[in-house]
């Protein structure tokens, strides 16, 4: 396995995705990263897997979770336990339930697309910003992805990118290395800014 070969395959992926995604780099990173996650797992039903994050937006998904489950989620994650320590200690279920719909899909279910969409905030452990930005950013992502998601060629191209990267040894790179590689390809050598659409 050569990291350079994987990098070349992902660079071709960035070029291909730029043809499909109107907002360019802000959506290329989460889509390509999610494709890499599923390629490593040798799962190529990308349409269902990459678009699965939209399921977590259903309010019923949260309402059905018992209080104990929500408290355990916050208390069981070191970063959240620190950030929401007062709410946990005080039994503030209203505040925890309000933050849960944004944080659980990203940190509990570890949805690859959402993890990439909120990478800058997660790198800073800025969980409250994830909560504040979640609805607007996911709405923009849904809107930005809609035209590409309706095009069967987009999914075929994404599978081809994933298969090629997986065949070159993508699975031998750490998750962080894959993210950094894609960020470098999408953004160039500059640091990754917030994953938000340019007009947000």
N, C-alpha and C. Protein backbone atom coordinates (compact mmCIF):
# COMPACT_ATOMS: atom_id res chain seq x y z
N UNK A 1 0.83 -1.19 0.00
CA UNK A 1 0.00 0.00 0.00
C UNK A 1 0.88 1.25 0.00
N UNK A 2 0.51 2.17 -0.84
CA UNK A 2 1.23 3.44 -0.86
C UNK A 2 0.23 4.54 -0.54
N UNK A 3 0.57 5.34 0.46
CA UNK A 3 -0.31 6.45 0.80
C UNK A 3 -0.46 7.39 -0.39
N UNK A 4 0.59 7.49 -1.19
CA UNK A 4 0.54 8.35 -2.39
C UNK A 4 -0.50 7.83 -3.38
N UNK A 5 -0.60 6.49 -3.51
CA UNK A 5 -1.60 5.91 -4.43
C UNK A 5 -3.00 6.22 -3.94
N UNK A 6 -3.22 6.06 -2.64
CA UNK A 6 -4.53 6.37 -2.07
C UNK A 6 -4.82 7.86 -2.26
N UNK A 7 -3.82 8.69 -2.02
CA UNK A 7 -3.99 10.14 -2.19
C UNK A 7 -4.37 10.48 -3.63
N UNK A 8 -3.72 9.82 -4.59
CA UNK A 8 -4.03 10.07 -6.00
C UNK A 8 -5.47 9.67 -6.31
N UNK A 9 -5.90 8.53 -5.77
CA UNK A 9 -7.28 8.07 -6.00
C UNK A 9 -8.28 9.05 -5.40
N UNK A 10 -7.99 9.54 -4.19
CA UNK A 10 -8.90 10.49 -3.56
C UNK A 10 -8.87 11.84 -4.26
N UNK A 11 -7.72 12.22 -4.80
CA UNK A 11 -7.64 13.48 -5.56
C UNK A 11 -8.53 13.39 -6.80
N UNK A 12 -8.50 12.24 -7.46
CA UNK A 12 -9.41 12.04 -8.61
C UNK A 12 -10.86 12.11 -8.13
N UNK A 13 -11.11 11.57 -6.93
CA UNK A 13 -12.45 11.63 -6.36
C UNK A 13 -12.92 13.05 -6.13
N UNK A 14 -12.03 13.89 -5.62
CA UNK A 14 -12.37 15.30 -5.40
C UNK A 14 -12.75 15.96 -6.73
N UNK A 15 -11.97 15.69 -7.77
CA UNK A 15 -12.26 16.27 -9.09
C UNK A 15 -13.61 15.82 -9.61
N UNK A 16 -13.91 14.53 -9.46
CA UNK A 16 -15.18 13.99 -9.93
C UNK A 16 -16.34 14.61 -9.15
N UNK A 17 -16.21 14.66 -7.82
CA UNK A 17 -17.30 15.19 -7.00
C UNK A 17 -17.54 16.67 -7.26
N UNK A 18 -16.49 17.41 -7.60
CA UNK A 18 -16.66 18.82 -7.93
C UNK A 18 -17.59 19.02 -9.13
N UNK A 19 -17.68 18.01 -9.97
CA UNK A 19 -18.58 18.10 -11.13
C UNK A 19 -20.04 17.95 -10.72
N UNK A 20 -20.28 17.27 -9.60
CA UNK A 20 -21.65 16.98 -9.17
C UNK A 20 -22.17 17.92 -8.09
N UNK A 21 -21.29 18.40 -7.24
CA UNK A 21 -21.73 19.17 -6.07
C UNK A 21 -21.57 20.66 -6.30
N UNK A 22 -22.69 21.39 -6.28
CA UNK A 22 -22.66 22.80 -6.65
C UNK A 22 -21.90 23.69 -5.67
N UNK A 23 -21.87 23.32 -4.40
CA UNK A 23 -21.22 24.17 -3.41
C UNK A 23 -19.77 23.78 -3.18
N UNK A 24 -19.29 22.92 -4.02
CA UNK A 24 -17.90 22.48 -4.04
C UNK A 24 -17.40 21.99 -2.70
N UNK A 25 -16.30 22.54 -2.24
CA UNK A 25 -15.53 21.92 -1.16
C UNK A 25 -16.28 21.66 0.14
N UNK A 26 -17.24 22.47 0.48
CA UNK A 26 -17.87 22.27 1.79
C UNK A 26 -18.64 20.96 1.85
N UNK A 27 -19.14 20.45 0.73
CA UNK A 27 -19.82 19.16 0.72
C UNK A 27 -18.93 18.02 0.25
N UNK A 28 -17.87 18.33 -0.50
CA UNK A 28 -16.98 17.28 -0.99
C UNK A 28 -16.36 16.52 0.19
N UNK A 29 -15.93 17.24 1.21
CA UNK A 29 -15.27 16.58 2.34
C UNK A 29 -16.19 15.57 3.03
N UNK A 30 -17.39 15.96 3.49
CA UNK A 30 -18.22 14.95 4.17
C UNK A 30 -18.64 13.79 3.27
N UNK A 31 -18.93 14.07 2.00
CA UNK A 31 -19.35 12.99 1.09
C UNK A 31 -18.19 12.03 0.85
N UNK A 32 -17.01 12.56 0.55
CA UNK A 32 -15.86 11.70 0.26
C UNK A 32 -15.41 10.94 1.51
N UNK A 33 -15.43 11.59 2.66
CA UNK A 33 -15.05 10.90 3.89
C UNK A 33 -16.03 9.77 4.20
N UNK A 34 -17.33 10.03 4.06
CA UNK A 34 -18.33 8.98 4.30
C UNK A 34 -18.12 7.82 3.33
N UNK A 35 -17.83 8.12 2.08
CA UNK A 35 -17.56 7.07 1.10
C UNK A 35 -16.35 6.24 1.52
N UNK A 36 -15.33 6.89 2.05
CA UNK A 36 -14.13 6.17 2.51
C UNK A 36 -14.45 5.25 3.68
N UNK A 37 -15.24 5.74 4.63
CA UNK A 37 -15.62 4.92 5.79
C UNK A 37 -16.31 3.65 5.33
N UNK A 38 -17.26 3.79 4.41
CA UNK A 38 -18.01 2.62 3.95
C UNK A 38 -17.16 1.75 3.03
N UNK A 39 -16.23 2.34 2.29
CA UNK A 39 -15.34 1.54 1.44
C UNK A 39 -14.46 0.64 2.29
N UNK A 40 -13.94 1.18 3.41
CA UNK A 40 -13.11 0.38 4.30
C UNK A 40 -13.90 -0.81 4.84
N UNK A 41 -15.18 -0.60 5.08
CA UNK A 41 -16.04 -1.67 5.61
C UNK A 41 -16.55 -2.59 4.49
N UNK A 42 -16.13 -2.29 3.24
CA UNK A 42 -16.54 -3.08 2.07
C UNK A 42 -18.06 -3.08 1.90
N UNK A 43 -18.66 -1.93 2.17
CA UNK A 43 -20.10 -1.75 1.99
C UNK A 43 -20.26 -0.65 0.95
N UNK A 44 -20.92 -0.99 -0.17
CA UNK A 44 -20.97 -0.03 -1.27
C UNK A 44 -22.39 0.41 -1.65
N UNK A 45 -23.36 0.22 -0.74
CA UNK A 45 -24.69 0.76 -1.00
C UNK A 45 -24.72 2.20 -0.48
N UNK A 46 -23.92 3.03 -1.15
CA UNK A 46 -23.65 4.39 -0.68
C UNK A 46 -24.88 5.26 -0.53
N UNK A 47 -25.82 5.12 -1.45
CA UNK A 47 -27.00 6.00 -1.38
C UNK A 47 -27.66 5.85 -0.01
N UNK A 48 -27.90 4.61 0.43
CA UNK A 48 -28.56 4.37 1.71
C UNK A 48 -27.66 4.77 2.87
N UNK A 49 -26.38 4.44 2.78
CA UNK A 49 -25.46 4.69 3.90
C UNK A 49 -25.14 6.17 4.07
N UNK A 50 -24.82 6.84 2.98
CA UNK A 50 -24.40 8.23 3.08
C UNK A 50 -25.58 9.15 3.37
N UNK A 51 -26.75 8.79 2.89
CA UNK A 51 -27.92 9.63 3.14
C UNK A 51 -28.64 9.26 4.44
N UNK A 52 -28.15 8.25 5.16
CA UNK A 52 -28.81 7.77 6.38
C UNK A 52 -28.92 8.85 7.44
N UNK A 53 -28.01 9.81 7.44
CA UNK A 53 -28.05 10.86 8.47
C UNK A 53 -29.38 11.59 8.48
N UNK A 54 -30.10 11.61 7.37
CA UNK A 54 -31.37 12.33 7.33
C UNK A 54 -32.42 11.67 8.22
N UNK A 55 -32.25 10.37 8.48
CA UNK A 55 -33.17 9.65 9.37
C UNK A 55 -33.12 10.24 10.77
N UNK A 56 -31.92 10.65 11.21
CA UNK A 56 -31.76 11.14 12.58
C UNK A 56 -32.43 12.50 12.78
N UNK A 57 -32.86 13.14 11.71
CA UNK A 57 -33.49 14.45 11.84
C UNK A 57 -34.97 14.36 12.25
N UNK A 58 -35.51 13.14 12.22
CA UNK A 58 -36.91 12.92 12.58
C UNK A 58 -37.10 13.15 14.08
N UNK A 59 -37.97 14.07 14.47
CA UNK A 59 -38.16 14.34 15.91
C UNK A 59 -38.59 13.11 16.71
N UNK A 60 -39.29 12.18 16.06
CA UNK A 60 -39.73 10.96 16.75
C UNK A 60 -38.55 10.14 17.24
N UNK A 61 -37.44 10.24 16.52
CA UNK A 61 -36.24 9.49 16.88
C UNK A 61 -35.79 9.85 18.29
N UNK A 62 -35.92 11.10 18.65
CA UNK A 62 -35.50 11.56 19.97
C UNK A 62 -36.58 11.31 21.02
N UNK A 63 -37.80 11.57 20.66
CA UNK A 63 -38.89 11.45 21.64
C UNK A 63 -39.00 10.03 22.20
N UNK A 64 -38.59 9.05 21.42
CA UNK A 64 -38.74 7.66 21.86
C UNK A 64 -37.63 7.21 22.80
N UNK A 65 -36.59 7.99 22.97
CA UNK A 65 -35.48 7.61 23.83
C UNK A 65 -35.82 7.94 25.29
N UNK A 66 -35.65 6.96 26.18
CA UNK A 66 -35.95 7.23 27.59
C UNK A 66 -34.90 8.16 28.22
N UNK A 67 -35.29 8.80 29.30
CA UNK A 67 -34.40 9.74 29.99
C UNK A 67 -33.07 9.10 30.36
N UNK A 68 -33.12 7.89 30.89
CA UNK A 68 -31.90 7.19 31.31
C UNK A 68 -30.92 7.00 30.17
N UNK A 69 -31.44 6.70 29.00
CA UNK A 69 -30.59 6.52 27.83
C UNK A 69 -29.85 7.82 27.50
N UNK A 70 -30.57 8.91 27.55
CA UNK A 70 -30.00 10.22 27.21
C UNK A 70 -28.94 10.63 28.24
N UNK A 71 -29.25 10.45 29.52
CA UNK A 71 -28.27 10.79 30.55
C UNK A 71 -27.03 9.92 30.41
N UNK A 72 -27.21 8.62 30.16
CA UNK A 72 -26.08 7.70 29.99
C UNK A 72 -25.22 8.10 28.79
N UNK A 73 -25.86 8.55 27.72
CA UNK A 73 -25.11 8.99 26.55
C UNK A 73 -24.18 10.15 26.90
N UNK A 74 -24.70 11.16 27.56
CA UNK A 74 -23.88 12.32 27.92
C UNK A 74 -22.82 11.95 28.95
N UNK A 75 -23.19 11.17 29.95
CA UNK A 75 -22.24 10.81 31.02
C UNK A 75 -21.17 9.85 30.51
N UNK A 76 -21.50 9.06 29.50
CA UNK A 76 -20.58 8.04 29.00
C UNK A 76 -19.56 8.53 27.98
N UNK A 77 -19.69 9.75 27.53
CA UNK A 77 -18.74 10.32 26.57
C UNK A 77 -17.92 11.36 27.32
N UNK A 78 -16.62 11.16 27.40
CA UNK A 78 -15.75 12.01 28.22
C UNK A 78 -15.92 13.49 27.91
N UNK A 79 -15.90 13.86 26.64
CA UNK A 79 -16.02 15.26 26.25
C UNK A 79 -17.37 15.85 26.62
N UNK A 80 -18.43 15.08 26.39
CA UNK A 80 -19.77 15.58 26.73
C UNK A 80 -19.96 15.65 28.23
N UNK A 81 -19.40 14.68 28.96
CA UNK A 81 -19.51 14.69 30.42
C UNK A 81 -18.86 15.95 30.99
N UNK A 82 -17.76 16.38 30.38
CA UNK A 82 -17.11 17.62 30.81
C UNK A 82 -17.96 18.84 30.45
N UNK A 83 -18.37 18.89 29.19
CA UNK A 83 -19.10 20.05 28.68
C UNK A 83 -20.48 20.20 29.33
N UNK A 84 -21.15 19.08 29.57
CA UNK A 84 -22.52 19.10 30.11
C UNK A 84 -22.57 18.60 31.55
N UNK A 85 -21.46 18.73 32.25
CA UNK A 85 -21.38 18.25 33.63
C UNK A 85 -22.43 18.84 34.55
N UNK A 86 -22.66 20.13 34.43
CA UNK A 86 -23.67 20.79 35.29
C UNK A 86 -25.06 20.26 35.00
N UNK A 87 -25.38 20.10 33.73
CA UNK A 87 -26.71 19.61 33.35
C UNK A 87 -26.91 18.17 33.83
N UNK A 88 -25.86 17.35 33.71
CA UNK A 88 -25.95 15.96 34.16
C UNK A 88 -26.13 15.92 35.68
N UNK A 89 -25.27 16.66 36.38
CA UNK A 89 -25.33 16.66 37.85
C UNK A 89 -26.66 17.21 38.36
N UNK A 90 -27.19 18.21 37.68
CA UNK A 90 -28.45 18.82 38.11
C UNK A 90 -29.68 18.12 37.58
N UNK A 91 -29.49 17.07 36.80
CA UNK A 91 -30.63 16.35 36.23
C UNK A 91 -31.46 17.21 35.29
N UNK A 92 -30.80 18.10 34.57
CA UNK A 92 -31.49 19.01 33.65
C UNK A 92 -31.81 18.28 32.34
N UNK A 93 -32.86 17.48 32.38
CA UNK A 93 -33.23 16.67 31.22
C UNK A 93 -33.71 17.53 30.06
N UNK A 94 -34.28 18.68 30.37
CA UNK A 94 -34.72 19.56 29.28
C UNK A 94 -33.54 19.98 28.41
N UNK A 95 -32.45 20.40 29.05
CA UNK A 95 -31.27 20.83 28.30
C UNK A 95 -30.61 19.66 27.58
N UNK A 96 -30.53 18.51 28.25
CA UNK A 96 -29.90 17.34 27.63
C UNK A 96 -30.72 16.85 26.44
N UNK A 97 -32.04 16.82 26.62
CA UNK A 97 -32.91 16.39 25.51
C UNK A 97 -32.81 17.36 24.32
N UNK A 98 -32.63 18.64 24.61
CA UNK A 98 -32.52 19.64 23.54
C UNK A 98 -31.23 19.44 22.74
N UNK A 99 -30.15 19.04 23.40
CA UNK A 99 -28.86 18.85 22.73
C UNK A 99 -28.73 17.46 22.09
N UNK A 100 -29.47 16.50 22.59
CA UNK A 100 -29.35 15.11 22.16
C UNK A 100 -29.54 14.90 20.65
N UNK A 101 -30.56 15.50 20.00
CA UNK A 101 -30.78 15.23 18.58
C UNK A 101 -29.60 15.59 17.69
N UNK A 102 -28.82 16.58 18.10
CA UNK A 102 -27.64 16.97 17.31
C UNK A 102 -26.43 16.11 17.65
N UNK A 103 -26.24 15.83 18.92
CA UNK A 103 -25.00 15.17 19.34
C UNK A 103 -25.04 13.65 19.20
N UNK A 104 -26.19 13.04 19.38
CA UNK A 104 -26.24 11.58 19.33
C UNK A 104 -25.90 11.01 17.95
N UNK A 105 -26.45 11.56 16.86
CA UNK A 105 -26.08 11.02 15.54
C UNK A 105 -24.60 11.17 15.24
N UNK A 106 -24.00 12.26 15.72
CA UNK A 106 -22.59 12.55 15.43
C UNK A 106 -21.66 11.72 16.32
N UNK A 107 -21.93 11.70 17.62
CA UNK A 107 -21.01 11.07 18.57
C UNK A 107 -21.47 9.69 19.04
N UNK A 108 -22.77 9.47 19.09
CA UNK A 108 -23.28 8.17 19.53
C UNK A 108 -23.32 7.17 18.39
N UNK A 109 -23.97 7.57 17.30
CA UNK A 109 -24.06 6.69 16.12
C UNK A 109 -22.84 6.81 15.23
N UNK A 110 -22.04 7.85 15.45
CA UNK A 110 -20.83 8.11 14.67
C UNK A 110 -21.11 8.08 13.16
N UNK A 111 -22.17 8.78 12.77
CA UNK A 111 -22.49 8.89 11.35
C UNK A 111 -21.33 9.58 10.63
N UNK A 112 -20.76 8.90 9.65
CA UNK A 112 -19.55 9.40 8.97
C UNK A 112 -19.77 10.74 8.30
N UNK A 113 -20.90 10.91 7.64
CA UNK A 113 -21.17 12.17 6.97
C UNK A 113 -21.24 13.32 7.97
N UNK A 114 -21.98 13.11 9.06
CA UNK A 114 -22.13 14.16 10.05
C UNK A 114 -20.83 14.44 10.80
N UNK A 115 -20.05 13.40 11.07
CA UNK A 115 -18.75 13.62 11.71
C UNK A 115 -17.88 14.53 10.85
N UNK A 116 -17.91 14.33 9.55
CA UNK A 116 -17.12 15.17 8.65
C UNK A 116 -17.73 16.57 8.53
N UNK A 117 -19.04 16.64 8.54
CA UNK A 117 -19.72 17.94 8.41
C UNK A 117 -19.37 18.85 9.60
N UNK A 118 -19.13 18.24 10.76
CA UNK A 118 -18.83 19.02 11.97
C UNK A 118 -17.40 18.80 12.46
N UNK A 119 -16.50 18.42 11.56
CA UNK A 119 -15.12 18.13 11.95
C UNK A 119 -14.43 19.28 12.69
N UNK A 120 -14.51 20.52 12.22
CA UNK A 120 -13.81 21.59 12.95
C UNK A 120 -14.28 21.72 14.41
N UNK A 121 -15.59 21.62 14.60
CA UNK A 121 -16.13 21.73 15.96
C UNK A 121 -15.72 20.52 16.81
N UNK A 122 -15.75 19.34 16.22
CA UNK A 122 -15.37 18.15 16.97
C UNK A 122 -13.89 18.18 17.33
N UNK A 123 -13.06 18.67 16.42
CA UNK A 123 -11.63 18.79 16.71
C UNK A 123 -11.38 19.71 17.90
N UNK A 124 -12.24 20.71 18.06
CA UNK A 124 -12.09 21.65 19.18
C UNK A 124 -12.91 21.24 20.40
N UNK A 125 -13.62 20.11 20.29
CA UNK A 125 -14.55 19.67 21.35
C UNK A 125 -15.58 20.76 21.65
N UNK A 126 -16.01 21.44 20.61
CA UNK A 126 -16.97 22.54 20.73
C UNK A 126 -18.38 21.99 20.48
N UNK A 127 -18.85 21.20 21.42
CA UNK A 127 -20.11 20.46 21.25
C UNK A 127 -21.33 21.37 21.23
N UNK A 128 -21.28 22.46 21.95
CA UNK A 128 -22.44 23.35 21.98
C UNK A 128 -22.64 24.04 20.63
N UNK A 129 -21.56 24.29 19.91
CA UNK A 129 -21.70 24.86 18.57
C UNK A 129 -22.31 23.84 17.62
N UNK A 130 -21.96 22.57 17.78
CA UNK A 130 -22.61 21.52 16.97
C UNK A 130 -24.11 21.59 17.17
N UNK A 131 -24.54 21.72 18.42
CA UNK A 131 -25.98 21.78 18.72
C UNK A 131 -26.62 23.01 18.07
N UNK A 132 -25.98 24.15 18.20
CA UNK A 132 -26.53 25.40 17.66
C UNK A 132 -26.60 25.36 16.13
N UNK A 133 -25.57 24.82 15.50
CA UNK A 133 -25.47 24.83 14.04
C UNK A 133 -26.15 23.64 13.36
N UNK A 134 -26.52 22.63 14.13
CA UNK A 134 -26.95 21.36 13.54
C UNK A 134 -28.10 21.51 12.54
N UNK A 135 -29.18 22.13 12.95
CA UNK A 135 -30.36 22.21 12.07
C UNK A 135 -30.07 22.97 10.79
N UNK A 136 -29.42 24.13 10.91
CA UNK A 136 -29.14 24.94 9.71
C UNK A 136 -28.15 24.25 8.79
N UNK A 137 -27.11 23.68 9.36
CA UNK A 137 -26.08 23.07 8.51
C UNK A 137 -26.59 21.81 7.82
N UNK A 138 -27.36 20.99 8.53
CA UNK A 138 -27.90 19.78 7.89
C UNK A 138 -28.94 20.15 6.84
N UNK A 139 -29.70 21.22 7.07
CA UNK A 139 -30.67 21.67 6.05
C UNK A 139 -29.93 22.12 4.80
N UNK A 140 -28.84 22.88 4.98
CA UNK A 140 -28.04 23.31 3.82
C UNK A 140 -27.42 22.11 3.11
N UNK A 141 -26.97 21.12 3.88
CA UNK A 141 -26.38 19.93 3.27
C UNK A 141 -27.43 19.17 2.46
N UNK A 142 -28.62 19.03 3.02
CA UNK A 142 -29.69 18.33 2.30
C UNK A 142 -30.00 19.05 1.00
N UNK A 143 -30.10 20.37 1.07
CA UNK A 143 -30.39 21.17 -0.11
C UNK A 143 -29.25 21.07 -1.14
N UNK A 144 -28.01 21.14 -0.67
CA UNK A 144 -26.87 21.09 -1.58
C UNK A 144 -26.67 19.73 -2.22
N UNK A 145 -27.03 18.68 -1.49
CA UNK A 145 -26.84 17.32 -2.02
C UNK A 145 -27.98 16.88 -2.93
N UNK A 146 -29.15 17.51 -2.81
CA UNK A 146 -30.33 17.03 -3.52
C UNK A 146 -30.12 16.80 -5.01
N UNK A 147 -29.55 17.75 -5.76
CA UNK A 147 -29.40 17.51 -7.20
C UNK A 147 -28.46 16.33 -7.51
N UNK A 148 -27.35 16.25 -6.79
CA UNK A 148 -26.41 15.15 -7.03
C UNK A 148 -27.02 13.82 -6.62
N UNK A 149 -27.72 13.81 -5.48
CA UNK A 149 -28.30 12.56 -4.97
C UNK A 149 -29.35 11.99 -5.92
N UNK A 150 -29.96 12.86 -6.72
CA UNK A 150 -30.97 12.40 -7.68
C UNK A 150 -30.34 11.85 -8.97
N UNK A 151 -29.05 12.00 -9.12
CA UNK A 151 -28.35 11.60 -10.34
C UNK A 151 -27.66 10.24 -10.12
N UNK A 152 -28.10 9.19 -10.79
CA UNK A 152 -27.48 7.87 -10.62
C UNK A 152 -25.98 7.88 -10.94
N UNK A 153 -25.55 8.77 -11.83
CA UNK A 153 -24.11 8.85 -12.16
C UNK A 153 -23.28 9.28 -10.95
N UNK A 154 -23.86 10.11 -10.10
CA UNK A 154 -23.16 10.55 -8.88
C UNK A 154 -22.84 9.34 -8.01
N UNK A 155 -23.80 8.47 -7.80
CA UNK A 155 -23.60 7.29 -6.93
C UNK A 155 -22.64 6.31 -7.58
N UNK A 156 -22.74 6.14 -8.90
CA UNK A 156 -21.79 5.24 -9.60
C UNK A 156 -20.37 5.76 -9.47
N UNK A 157 -20.20 7.08 -9.63
CA UNK A 157 -18.86 7.68 -9.50
C UNK A 157 -18.33 7.51 -8.09
N UNK A 158 -19.19 7.70 -7.11
CA UNK A 158 -18.77 7.57 -5.71
C UNK A 158 -18.35 6.14 -5.38
N UNK A 159 -19.09 5.17 -5.89
CA UNK A 159 -18.71 3.76 -5.69
C UNK A 159 -17.36 3.49 -6.35
N UNK A 160 -17.17 3.99 -7.56
CA UNK A 160 -15.88 3.77 -8.25
C UNK A 160 -14.73 4.36 -7.45
N UNK A 161 -14.93 5.55 -6.89
CA UNK A 161 -13.90 6.18 -6.07
C UNK A 161 -13.60 5.32 -4.84
N UNK A 162 -14.65 4.87 -4.17
CA UNK A 162 -14.48 4.05 -2.97
C UNK A 162 -13.80 2.73 -3.25
N UNK A 163 -14.21 2.07 -4.32
CA UNK A 163 -13.61 0.78 -4.69
C UNK A 163 -12.13 0.95 -5.01
N UNK A 164 -11.81 1.99 -5.77
CA UNK A 164 -10.40 2.21 -6.11
C UNK A 164 -9.57 2.49 -4.85
N UNK A 165 -10.05 3.39 -4.00
CA UNK A 165 -9.30 3.73 -2.78
C UNK A 165 -9.15 2.50 -1.88
N UNK A 166 -10.22 1.71 -1.76
CA UNK A 166 -10.16 0.50 -0.92
C UNK A 166 -9.17 -0.51 -1.48
N UNK A 167 -9.14 -0.64 -2.79
CA UNK A 167 -8.24 -1.62 -3.41
C UNK A 167 -6.77 -1.22 -3.24
N UNK A 168 -6.53 0.06 -3.01
CA UNK A 168 -5.17 0.56 -2.85
C UNK A 168 -4.70 0.56 -1.39
N UNK A 169 -5.56 0.11 -0.48
CA UNK A 169 -5.15 -0.01 0.92
C UNK A 169 -5.63 1.10 1.82
N UNK A 170 -6.73 1.72 1.48
CA UNK A 170 -7.29 2.79 2.30
C UNK A 170 -7.46 2.34 3.75
N UNK A 171 -7.82 1.07 3.95
CA UNK A 171 -8.09 0.54 5.29
C UNK A 171 -6.86 0.55 6.20
N UNK A 172 -5.67 0.68 5.61
CA UNK A 172 -4.45 0.69 6.41
C UNK A 172 -4.15 2.06 7.01
N UNK A 173 -4.88 3.06 6.57
CA UNK A 173 -4.70 4.41 7.12
C UNK A 173 -5.65 4.61 8.29
N UNK A 174 -5.22 5.37 9.27
CA UNK A 174 -6.11 5.67 10.40
C UNK A 174 -7.23 6.60 9.93
N UNK A 175 -8.29 6.62 10.71
CA UNK A 175 -9.42 7.49 10.41
C UNK A 175 -8.96 8.94 10.32
N UNK A 176 -8.14 9.35 11.26
CA UNK A 176 -7.62 10.73 11.29
C UNK A 176 -6.78 11.01 10.05
N UNK A 177 -5.97 10.03 9.63
CA UNK A 177 -5.12 10.22 8.44
C UNK A 177 -5.98 10.40 7.19
N UNK A 178 -7.06 9.62 7.09
CA UNK A 178 -7.95 9.74 5.93
C UNK A 178 -8.60 11.12 5.93
N UNK A 179 -9.09 11.57 7.09
CA UNK A 179 -9.70 12.90 7.16
C UNK A 179 -8.70 13.98 6.76
N UNK A 180 -7.50 13.89 7.32
CA UNK A 180 -6.48 14.90 7.01
C UNK A 180 -6.12 14.92 5.53
N UNK A 181 -6.05 13.73 4.95
CA UNK A 181 -5.73 13.61 3.53
C UNK A 181 -6.80 14.28 2.67
N UNK A 182 -8.06 14.01 2.98
CA UNK A 182 -9.15 14.60 2.21
C UNK A 182 -9.18 16.12 2.41
N UNK A 183 -9.00 16.55 3.66
CA UNK A 183 -8.97 18.00 3.92
C UNK A 183 -7.89 18.66 3.10
N UNK A 184 -6.72 18.04 3.07
CA UNK A 184 -5.59 18.60 2.31
C UNK A 184 -5.94 18.68 0.83
N UNK A 185 -6.60 17.67 0.31
CA UNK A 185 -6.95 17.66 -1.11
C UNK A 185 -8.03 18.69 -1.43
N UNK A 186 -8.98 18.83 -0.52
CA UNK A 186 -10.10 19.74 -0.77
C UNK A 186 -9.72 21.19 -0.54
N UNK A 187 -9.03 21.44 0.57
CA UNK A 187 -8.74 22.81 0.98
C UNK A 187 -7.35 23.28 0.61
N UNK A 188 -6.47 22.37 0.27
CA UNK A 188 -5.08 22.75 0.07
C UNK A 188 -4.38 22.76 1.42
N UNK A 189 -3.21 23.36 1.51
CA UNK A 189 -2.44 23.29 2.75
C UNK A 189 -2.98 24.14 3.90
N UNK A 190 -4.01 24.96 3.65
CA UNK A 190 -4.52 25.80 4.72
C UNK A 190 -5.38 24.99 5.67
N UNK A 191 -5.59 25.50 6.84
CA UNK A 191 -6.38 24.80 7.86
C UNK A 191 -7.84 24.75 7.43
N UNK A 192 -8.52 23.71 7.88
CA UNK A 192 -9.94 23.56 7.58
C UNK A 192 -10.74 24.55 8.40
N UNK A 193 -11.52 25.34 7.72
CA UNK A 193 -12.41 26.27 8.40
C UNK A 193 -13.71 25.57 8.71
N UNK A 194 -14.68 26.32 9.19
CA UNK A 194 -15.98 25.70 9.48
C UNK A 194 -16.58 25.07 8.23
N UNK A 195 -17.18 23.90 8.39
CA UNK A 195 -17.81 23.21 7.26
C UNK A 195 -19.19 23.80 7.05
N UNK A 196 -19.22 25.01 6.56
CA UNK A 196 -20.50 25.66 6.32
C UNK A 196 -20.53 26.16 4.90
N UNK A 197 -21.71 26.22 4.33
CA UNK A 197 -21.81 26.73 2.97
C UNK A 197 -21.36 28.19 2.92
N UNK A 198 -20.83 28.61 1.81
CA UNK A 198 -20.28 29.96 1.71
C UNK A 198 -21.29 31.06 1.98
N UNK A 199 -22.56 30.81 1.73
CA UNK A 199 -23.54 31.88 1.90
C UNK A 199 -24.26 31.80 3.25
N UNK A 200 -23.81 30.93 4.15
CA UNK A 200 -24.50 30.77 5.43
C UNK A 200 -24.14 31.89 6.38
